[in-house]
ModelCIF file with pLDDT and N, C-alpha, C, O atoms, coordinates in Angstrom:
data_MODEL
#
_entry.id   MODEL 
#
_entity.id                         1 
_entity.type                       polymer 
_entity.pdbx_number_of_molecules   1 
#
_entity_poly.entity_id                      1 
_entity_poly.type                           'polypeptide(L)' 
_entity_poly.nstd_linkage                   no 
_entity_poly.nstd_monomer                   no 
_entity_poly.pdbx_seq_one_letter_code       PEDTAVYYCAAVKRESGWLTSSRLGYNYWGQG 
_entity_poly.pdbx_seq_one_letter_code_can   PEDTAVYYCAAVKRESGWLTSSRLGYNYWGQG 
_entity_poly.pdbx_strand_id                 A 
#
loop_
_entity_poly_seq.entity_id 
_entity_poly_seq.num 
_entity_poly_seq.mon_id 
_entity_poly_seq.hetero 
1 1  PRO n 
1 2  GLU n 
1 3  ASP n 
1 4  THR n 
1 5  ALA n 
1 6  VAL n 
1 7  TYR n 
1 8  TYR n 
1 9  CYS n 
1 10 ALA n 
1 11 ALA n 
1 12 VAL n 
1 13 LYS n 
1 14 ARG n 
1 15 GLU n 
1 16 SER n 
1 17 GLY n 
1 18 TRP n 
1 19 LEU n 
1 20 THR n 
1 21 SER n 
1 22 SER n 
1 23 ARG n 
1 24 LEU n 
1 25 GLY n 
1 26 TYR n 
1 27 ASN n 
1 28 TYR n 
1 29 TRP n 
1 30 GLY n 
1 31 GLN n 
1 32 GLY n 
#
_struct_asym.id          A 
_struct_asym.entity_id   1 
#
loop_
_ma_qa_metric.id 
_ma_qa_metric.mode 
_ma_qa_metric.name 
_ma_qa_metric.software_group_id 
_ma_qa_metric.type 
1 global pLDDT . pLDDT 
2 local  pLDDT . pLDDT 
#
_ma_qa_metric_global.metric_id      1 
_ma_qa_metric_global.metric_value   97.06 
_ma_qa_metric_global.model_id       1 
_ma_qa_metric_global.ordinal_id     1 
#
loop_
_ma_qa_metric_local.label_asym_id 
_ma_qa_metric_local.label_comp_id 
_ma_qa_metric_local.label_seq_id 
_ma_qa_metric_local.metric_id 
_ma_qa_metric_local.metric_value 
_ma_qa_metric_local.model_id 
_ma_qa_metric_local.ordinal_id 
A PRO 1  2 98.00 1 1  
A GLU 2  2 96.00 1 2  
A ASP 3  2 98.00 1 3  
A THR 4  2 98.00 1 4  
A ALA 5  2 98.00 1 5  
A VAL 6  2 98.00 1 6  
A TYR 7  2 98.00 1 7  
A TYR 8  2 98.00 1 8  
A CYS 9  2 98.00 1 9  
A ALA 10 2 98.00 1 10 
A ALA 11 2 98.00 1 11 
A VAL 12 2 97.00 1 12 
A LYS 13 2 96.00 1 13 
A ARG 14 2 95.00 1 14 
A GLU 15 2 95.00 1 15 
A SER 16 2 94.00 1 16 
A GLY 17 2 96.00 1 17 
A TRP 18 2 97.00 1 18 
A LEU 19 2 97.00 1 19 
A THR 20 2 97.00 1 20 
A SER 21 2 97.00 1 21 
A SER 22 2 97.00 1 22 
A ARG 23 2 96.00 1 23 
A LEU 24 2 96.00 1 24 
A GLY 25 2 97.00 1 25 
A TYR 26 2 98.00 1 26 
A ASN 27 2 97.00 1 27 
A TYR 28 2 97.00 1 28 
A TRP 29 2 98.00 1 29 
A GLY 30 2 98.00 1 30 
A GLN 31 2 97.00 1 31 
A GLY 32 2 98.00 1 32 
#
loop_
_atom_site.group_PDB 
_atom_site.id 
_atom_site.type_symbol 
_atom_site.label_atom_id 
_atom_site.label_alt_id 
_atom_site.label_comp_id 
_atom_site.label_asym_id 
_atom_site.label_entity_id 
_atom_site.label_seq_id 
_atom_site.pdbx_PDB_ins_code 
_atom_site.Cartn_x 
_atom_site.Cartn_y 
_atom_site.Cartn_z 
_atom_site.occupancy 
_atom_site.B_iso_or_equiv 
_atom_site.pdbx_formal_charge 
_atom_site.auth_seq_id 
_atom_site.auth_comp_id 
_atom_site.auth_asym_id 
_atom_site.auth_atom_id 
_atom_site.pdbx_PDB_model_num 
ATOM 1   N N  . PRO A 1 1  ? 0.864  -0.952 -0.246  1.00 98.00 ? 1  PRO A N  1 
ATOM 2   C CA . PRO A 1 1  ? -0.214 -0.026 -0.063  1.00 98.00 ? 1  PRO A CA 1 
ATOM 3   C C  . PRO A 1 1  ? 1.042  0.946  0.532   1.00 98.00 ? 1  PRO A C  1 
ATOM 4   O O  . PRO A 1 1  ? 0.467  2.029  0.431   1.00 98.00 ? 1  PRO A O  1 
ATOM 5   N N  . GLU A 1 2  ? 2.151  1.221  0.992   1.00 96.00 ? 2  GLU A N  1 
ATOM 6   C CA . GLU A 1 2  ? 3.381  2.528  0.964   1.00 96.00 ? 2  GLU A CA 1 
ATOM 7   C C  . GLU A 1 2  ? 3.142  3.116  -0.418  1.00 96.00 ? 2  GLU A C  1 
ATOM 8   O O  . GLU A 1 2  ? 3.220  4.314  -0.691  1.00 96.00 ? 2  GLU A O  1 
ATOM 9   N N  . ASP A 1 3  ? 2.825  2.074  -1.303  1.00 98.00 ? 3  ASP A N  1 
ATOM 10  C CA . ASP A 1 3  ? 4.082  1.854  -2.853  1.00 98.00 ? 3  ASP A CA 1 
ATOM 11  C C  . ASP A 1 3  ? 2.821  3.311  -3.622  1.00 98.00 ? 3  ASP A C  1 
ATOM 12  O O  . ASP A 1 3  ? 3.247  4.231  -4.321  1.00 98.00 ? 3  ASP A O  1 
ATOM 13  N N  . THR A 1 4  ? 1.162  3.116  -3.199  1.00 98.00 ? 4  THR A N  1 
ATOM 14  C CA . THR A 1 4  ? 0.977  3.969  -3.655  1.00 98.00 ? 4  THR A CA 1 
ATOM 15  C C  . THR A 1 4  ? 0.966  5.586  -4.150  1.00 98.00 ? 4  THR A C  1 
ATOM 16  O O  . THR A 1 4  ? 0.661  6.469  -3.349  1.00 98.00 ? 4  THR A O  1 
ATOM 17  N N  . ALA A 1 5  ? 1.398  5.941  -5.815  1.00 98.00 ? 5  ALA A N  1 
ATOM 18  C CA . ALA A 1 5  ? 1.787  7.009  -5.586  1.00 98.00 ? 5  ALA A CA 1 
ATOM 19  C C  . ALA A 1 5  ? 1.797  7.345  -7.033  1.00 98.00 ? 5  ALA A C  1 
ATOM 20  O O  . ALA A 1 5  ? 1.789  6.504  -7.933  1.00 98.00 ? 5  ALA A O  1 
ATOM 21  N N  . VAL A 1 6  ? 1.819  8.966  -7.237  1.00 98.00 ? 6  VAL A N  1 
ATOM 22  C CA . VAL A 1 6  ? 2.252  8.935  -8.677  1.00 98.00 ? 6  VAL A CA 1 
ATOM 23  C C  . VAL A 1 6  ? 3.606  8.917  -9.745  1.00 98.00 ? 6  VAL A C  1 
ATOM 24  O O  . VAL A 1 6  ? 4.653  9.562  -9.689  1.00 98.00 ? 6  VAL A O  1 
ATOM 25  N N  . TYR A 1 7  ? 3.270  8.201  -10.444 1.00 98.00 ? 7  TYR A N  1 
ATOM 26  C CA . TYR A 1 7  ? 5.041  7.420  -10.653 1.00 98.00 ? 7  TYR A CA 1 
ATOM 27  C C  . TYR A 1 7  ? 5.623  8.592  -12.170 1.00 98.00 ? 7  TYR A C  1 
ATOM 28  O O  . TYR A 1 7  ? 4.995  8.543  -13.228 1.00 98.00 ? 7  TYR A O  1 
ATOM 29  N N  . TYR A 1 8  ? 6.680  9.413  -12.025 1.00 98.00 ? 8  TYR A N  1 
ATOM 30  C CA . TYR A 1 8  ? 6.625  9.598  -12.961 1.00 98.00 ? 8  TYR A CA 1 
ATOM 31  C C  . TYR A 1 8  ? 8.129  8.969  -13.831 1.00 98.00 ? 8  TYR A C  1 
ATOM 32  O O  . TYR A 1 8  ? 9.045  8.498  -13.157 1.00 98.00 ? 8  TYR A O  1 
ATOM 33  N N  . CYS A 1 9  ? 8.206  9.023  -15.065 1.00 98.00 ? 9  CYS A N  1 
ATOM 34  C CA . CYS A 1 9  ? 9.709  8.974  -15.831 1.00 98.00 ? 9  CYS A CA 1 
ATOM 35  C C  . CYS A 1 9  ? 10.619 9.934  -16.045 1.00 98.00 ? 9  CYS A C  1 
ATOM 36  O O  . CYS A 1 9  ? 10.112 11.054 -16.114 1.00 98.00 ? 9  CYS A O  1 
ATOM 37  N N  . ALA A 1 10 ? 12.102 9.884  -16.210 1.00 98.00 ? 10 ALA A N  1 
ATOM 38  C CA . ALA A 1 10 ? 12.366 11.246 -16.237 1.00 98.00 ? 10 ALA A CA 1 
ATOM 39  C C  . ALA A 1 10 ? 13.693 10.663 -17.556 1.00 98.00 ? 10 ALA A C  1 
ATOM 40  O O  . ALA A 1 10 ? 14.077 9.546  -17.904 1.00 98.00 ? 10 ALA A O  1 
ATOM 41  N N  . ALA A 1 11 ? 14.171 12.502 -18.103 1.00 98.00 ? 11 ALA A N  1 
ATOM 42  C CA . ALA A 1 11 ? 15.962 11.793 -18.646 1.00 98.00 ? 11 ALA A CA 1 
ATOM 43  C C  . ALA A 1 11 ? 16.259 12.730 -19.173 1.00 98.00 ? 11 ALA A C  1 
ATOM 44  O O  . ALA A 1 11 ? 15.632 13.776 -19.340 1.00 98.00 ? 11 ALA A O  1 
ATOM 45  N N  . VAL A 1 12 ? 17.707 12.294 -19.624 1.00 97.00 ? 12 VAL A N  1 
ATOM 46  C CA . VAL A 1 12 ? 18.428 13.278 -19.549 1.00 97.00 ? 12 VAL A CA 1 
ATOM 47  C C  . VAL A 1 12 ? 19.276 13.003 -20.187 1.00 97.00 ? 12 VAL A C  1 
ATOM 48  O O  . VAL A 1 12 ? 19.493 11.794 -20.096 1.00 97.00 ? 12 VAL A O  1 
ATOM 49  N N  . LYS A 1 13 ? 20.374 13.831 -21.280 1.00 96.00 ? 13 LYS A N  1 
ATOM 50  C CA . LYS A 1 13 ? 20.745 13.612 -22.360 1.00 96.00 ? 13 LYS A CA 1 
ATOM 51  C C  . LYS A 1 13 ? 22.401 12.973 -21.870 1.00 96.00 ? 13 LYS A C  1 
ATOM 52  O O  . LYS A 1 13 ? 22.539 13.964 -21.152 1.00 96.00 ? 13 LYS A O  1 
ATOM 53  N N  . ARG A 1 14 ? 23.355 12.416 -21.711 1.00 95.00 ? 14 ARG A N  1 
ATOM 54  C CA . ARG A 1 14 ? 24.335 12.310 -20.724 1.00 95.00 ? 14 ARG A CA 1 
ATOM 55  C C  . ARG A 1 14 ? 25.086 11.403 -21.392 1.00 95.00 ? 14 ARG A C  1 
ATOM 56  O O  . ARG A 1 14 ? 24.755 10.537 -22.202 1.00 95.00 ? 14 ARG A O  1 
ATOM 57  N N  . GLU A 1 15 ? 26.312 11.762 -20.878 1.00 95.00 ? 15 GLU A N  1 
ATOM 58  C CA . GLU A 1 15 ? 27.069 10.095 -21.032 1.00 95.00 ? 15 GLU A CA 1 
ATOM 59  C C  . GLU A 1 15 ? 27.510 8.931  -21.137 1.00 95.00 ? 15 GLU A C  1 
ATOM 60  O O  . GLU A 1 15 ? 28.013 8.821  -20.018 1.00 95.00 ? 15 GLU A O  1 
ATOM 61  N N  . SER A 1 16 ? 27.825 7.351  -21.966 1.00 94.00 ? 16 SER A N  1 
ATOM 62  C CA . SER A 1 16 ? 27.659 6.802  -21.051 1.00 94.00 ? 16 SER A CA 1 
ATOM 63  C C  . SER A 1 16 ? 28.376 5.997  -19.902 1.00 94.00 ? 16 SER A C  1 
ATOM 64  O O  . SER A 1 16 ? 29.502 6.382  -19.589 1.00 94.00 ? 16 SER A O  1 
ATOM 65  N N  . GLY A 1 17 ? 27.862 4.976  -19.282 1.00 96.00 ? 17 GLY A N  1 
ATOM 66  C CA . GLY A 1 17 ? 27.540 4.480  -17.877 1.00 96.00 ? 17 GLY A CA 1 
ATOM 67  C C  . GLY A 1 17 ? 27.149 5.811  -17.182 1.00 96.00 ? 17 GLY A C  1 
ATOM 68  O O  . GLY A 1 17 ? 27.292 5.374  -16.040 1.00 96.00 ? 17 GLY A O  1 
ATOM 69  N N  . TRP A 1 18 ? 26.788 7.024  -16.997 1.00 97.00 ? 18 TRP A N  1 
ATOM 70  C CA . TRP A 1 18 ? 25.839 8.057  -16.356 1.00 97.00 ? 18 TRP A CA 1 
ATOM 71  C C  . TRP A 1 18 ? 24.594 7.976  -15.925 1.00 97.00 ? 18 TRP A C  1 
ATOM 72  O O  . TRP A 1 18 ? 23.826 7.849  -16.878 1.00 97.00 ? 18 TRP A O  1 
ATOM 73  N N  . LEU A 1 19 ? 24.069 7.994  -14.916 1.00 97.00 ? 19 LEU A N  1 
ATOM 74  C CA . LEU A 1 19 ? 22.767 7.408  -14.189 1.00 97.00 ? 19 LEU A CA 1 
ATOM 75  C C  . LEU A 1 19 ? 23.346 8.637  -12.373 1.00 97.00 ? 19 LEU A C  1 
ATOM 76  O O  . LEU A 1 19 ? 24.264 8.662  -11.553 1.00 97.00 ? 19 LEU A O  1 
ATOM 77  N N  . THR A 1 20 ? 21.868 9.512  -12.717 1.00 97.00 ? 20 THR A N  1 
ATOM 78  C CA . THR A 1 20 ? 21.534 9.783  -11.391 1.00 97.00 ? 20 THR A CA 1 
ATOM 79  C C  . THR A 1 20 ? 20.705 9.472  -10.189 1.00 97.00 ? 20 THR A C  1 
ATOM 80  O O  . THR A 1 20 ? 20.070 8.436  -10.389 1.00 97.00 ? 20 THR A O  1 
ATOM 81  N N  . SER A 1 21 ? 20.462 10.034 -8.917  1.00 97.00 ? 21 SER A N  1 
ATOM 82  C CA . SER A 1 21 ? 19.424 9.174  -7.832  1.00 97.00 ? 21 SER A CA 1 
ATOM 83  C C  . SER A 1 21 ? 19.005 11.286 -7.859  1.00 97.00 ? 21 SER A C  1 
ATOM 84  O O  . SER A 1 21 ? 17.892 11.525 -7.390  1.00 97.00 ? 21 SER A O  1 
ATOM 85  N N  . SER A 1 22 ? 19.573 12.191 -8.201  1.00 97.00 ? 22 SER A N  1 
ATOM 86  C CA . SER A 1 22 ? 18.610 13.046 -8.157  1.00 97.00 ? 22 SER A CA 1 
ATOM 87  C C  . SER A 1 22 ? 17.839 13.727 -9.283  1.00 97.00 ? 22 SER A C  1 
ATOM 88  O O  . SER A 1 22 ? 18.025 13.605 -10.494 1.00 97.00 ? 22 SER A O  1 
ATOM 89  N N  . ARG A 1 23 ? 16.872 14.521 -8.595  1.00 96.00 ? 23 ARG A N  1 
ATOM 90  C CA . ARG A 1 23 ? 15.861 14.759 -9.577  1.00 96.00 ? 23 ARG A CA 1 
ATOM 91  C C  . ARG A 1 23 ? 16.087 15.928 -9.777  1.00 96.00 ? 23 ARG A C  1 
ATOM 92  O O  . ARG A 1 23 ? 14.976 16.423 -9.966  1.00 96.00 ? 23 ARG A O  1 
ATOM 93  N N  . LEU A 1 24 ? 17.203 17.080 -9.898  1.00 96.00 ? 24 LEU A N  1 
ATOM 94  C CA . LEU A 1 24 ? 17.375 18.193 -10.315 1.00 96.00 ? 24 LEU A CA 1 
ATOM 95  C C  . LEU A 1 24 ? 18.844 17.636 -11.644 1.00 96.00 ? 24 LEU A C  1 
ATOM 96  O O  . LEU A 1 24 ? 19.498 18.349 -12.405 1.00 96.00 ? 24 LEU A O  1 
ATOM 97  N N  . GLY A 1 25 ? 18.886 16.295 -11.450 1.00 97.00 ? 25 GLY A N  1 
ATOM 98  C CA . GLY A 1 25 ? 20.055 15.673 -12.696 1.00 97.00 ? 25 GLY A CA 1 
ATOM 99  C C  . GLY A 1 25 ? 18.847 15.395 -13.937 1.00 97.00 ? 25 GLY A C  1 
ATOM 100 O O  . GLY A 1 25 ? 19.477 14.639 -14.675 1.00 97.00 ? 25 GLY A O  1 
ATOM 101 N N  . TYR A 1 26 ? 17.805 15.532 -14.430 1.00 98.00 ? 26 TYR A N  1 
ATOM 102 C CA . TYR A 1 26 ? 17.143 14.967 -15.123 1.00 98.00 ? 26 TYR A CA 1 
ATOM 103 C C  . TYR A 1 26 ? 16.272 16.440 -15.758 1.00 98.00 ? 26 TYR A C  1 
ATOM 104 O O  . TYR A 1 26 ? 15.720 17.267 -15.033 1.00 98.00 ? 26 TYR A O  1 
ATOM 105 N N  . ASN A 1 27 ? 16.322 16.487 -17.142 1.00 97.00 ? 27 ASN A N  1 
ATOM 106 C CA . ASN A 1 27 ? 15.849 17.986 -17.572 1.00 97.00 ? 27 ASN A CA 1 
ATOM 107 C C  . ASN A 1 27 ? 14.130 17.547 -18.355 1.00 97.00 ? 27 ASN A C  1 
ATOM 108 O O  . ASN A 1 27 ? 13.071 18.164 -18.474 1.00 97.00 ? 27 ASN A O  1 
ATOM 109 N N  . TYR A 1 28 ? 14.456 16.622 -18.619 1.00 97.00 ? 28 TYR A N  1 
ATOM 110 C CA . TYR A 1 28 ? 12.503 16.321 -19.132 1.00 97.00 ? 28 TYR A CA 1 
ATOM 111 C C  . TYR A 1 28 ? 11.567 15.126 -18.604 1.00 97.00 ? 28 TYR A C  1 
ATOM 112 O O  . TYR A 1 28 ? 11.858 13.930 -18.609 1.00 97.00 ? 28 TYR A O  1 
ATOM 113 N N  . TRP A 1 29 ? 10.334 15.738 -18.130 1.00 98.00 ? 29 TRP A N  1 
ATOM 114 C CA . TRP A 1 29 ? 9.571  14.839 -17.760 1.00 98.00 ? 29 TRP A CA 1 
ATOM 115 C C  . TRP A 1 29 ? 8.360  14.570 -18.031 1.00 98.00 ? 29 TRP A C  1 
ATOM 116 O O  . TRP A 1 29 ? 7.699  15.502 -18.491 1.00 98.00 ? 29 TRP A O  1 
ATOM 117 N N  . GLY A 1 30 ? 7.688  13.249 -17.842 1.00 98.00 ? 30 GLY A N  1 
ATOM 118 C CA . GLY A 1 30 ? 6.118  12.436 -18.549 1.00 98.00 ? 30 GLY A CA 1 
ATOM 119 C C  . GLY A 1 30 ? 5.128  13.391 -17.779 1.00 98.00 ? 30 GLY A C  1 
ATOM 120 O O  . GLY A 1 30 ? 5.317  14.528 -17.347 1.00 98.00 ? 30 GLY A O  1 
ATOM 121 N N  . GLN A 1 31 ? 4.444  12.894 -17.755 1.00 97.00 ? 31 GLN A N  1 
ATOM 122 C CA . GLN A 1 31 ? 3.299  13.769 -16.912 1.00 97.00 ? 31 GLN A CA 1 
ATOM 123 C C  . GLN A 1 31 ? 2.650  12.546 -15.850 1.00 97.00 ? 31 GLN A C  1 
ATOM 124 O O  . GLN A 1 31 ? 1.662  12.770 -15.151 1.00 97.00 ? 31 GLN A O  1 
ATOM 125 N N  . GLY A 1 32 ? 3.304  11.366 -15.858 1.00 98.00 ? 32 GLY A N  1 
ATOM 126 C CA . GLY A 1 32 ? 2.189  10.766 -14.607 1.00 98.00 ? 32 GLY A CA 1 
ATOM 127 C C  . GLY A 1 32 ? 1.810  9.438  -14.868 1.00 98.00 ? 32 GLY A C  1 
ATOM 128 O O  . GLY A 1 32 ? 1.039  8.856  -14.105 1.00 98.00 ? 32 GLY A O  1 
#
């Protein structure tokens, strides 16, 4: 039940091997 939420995906153009857990690292977002 605690998984209940609106889920969003986000993207950012970066080099191979890069990823981040910070929402500030992404500049494109879906509507959820």
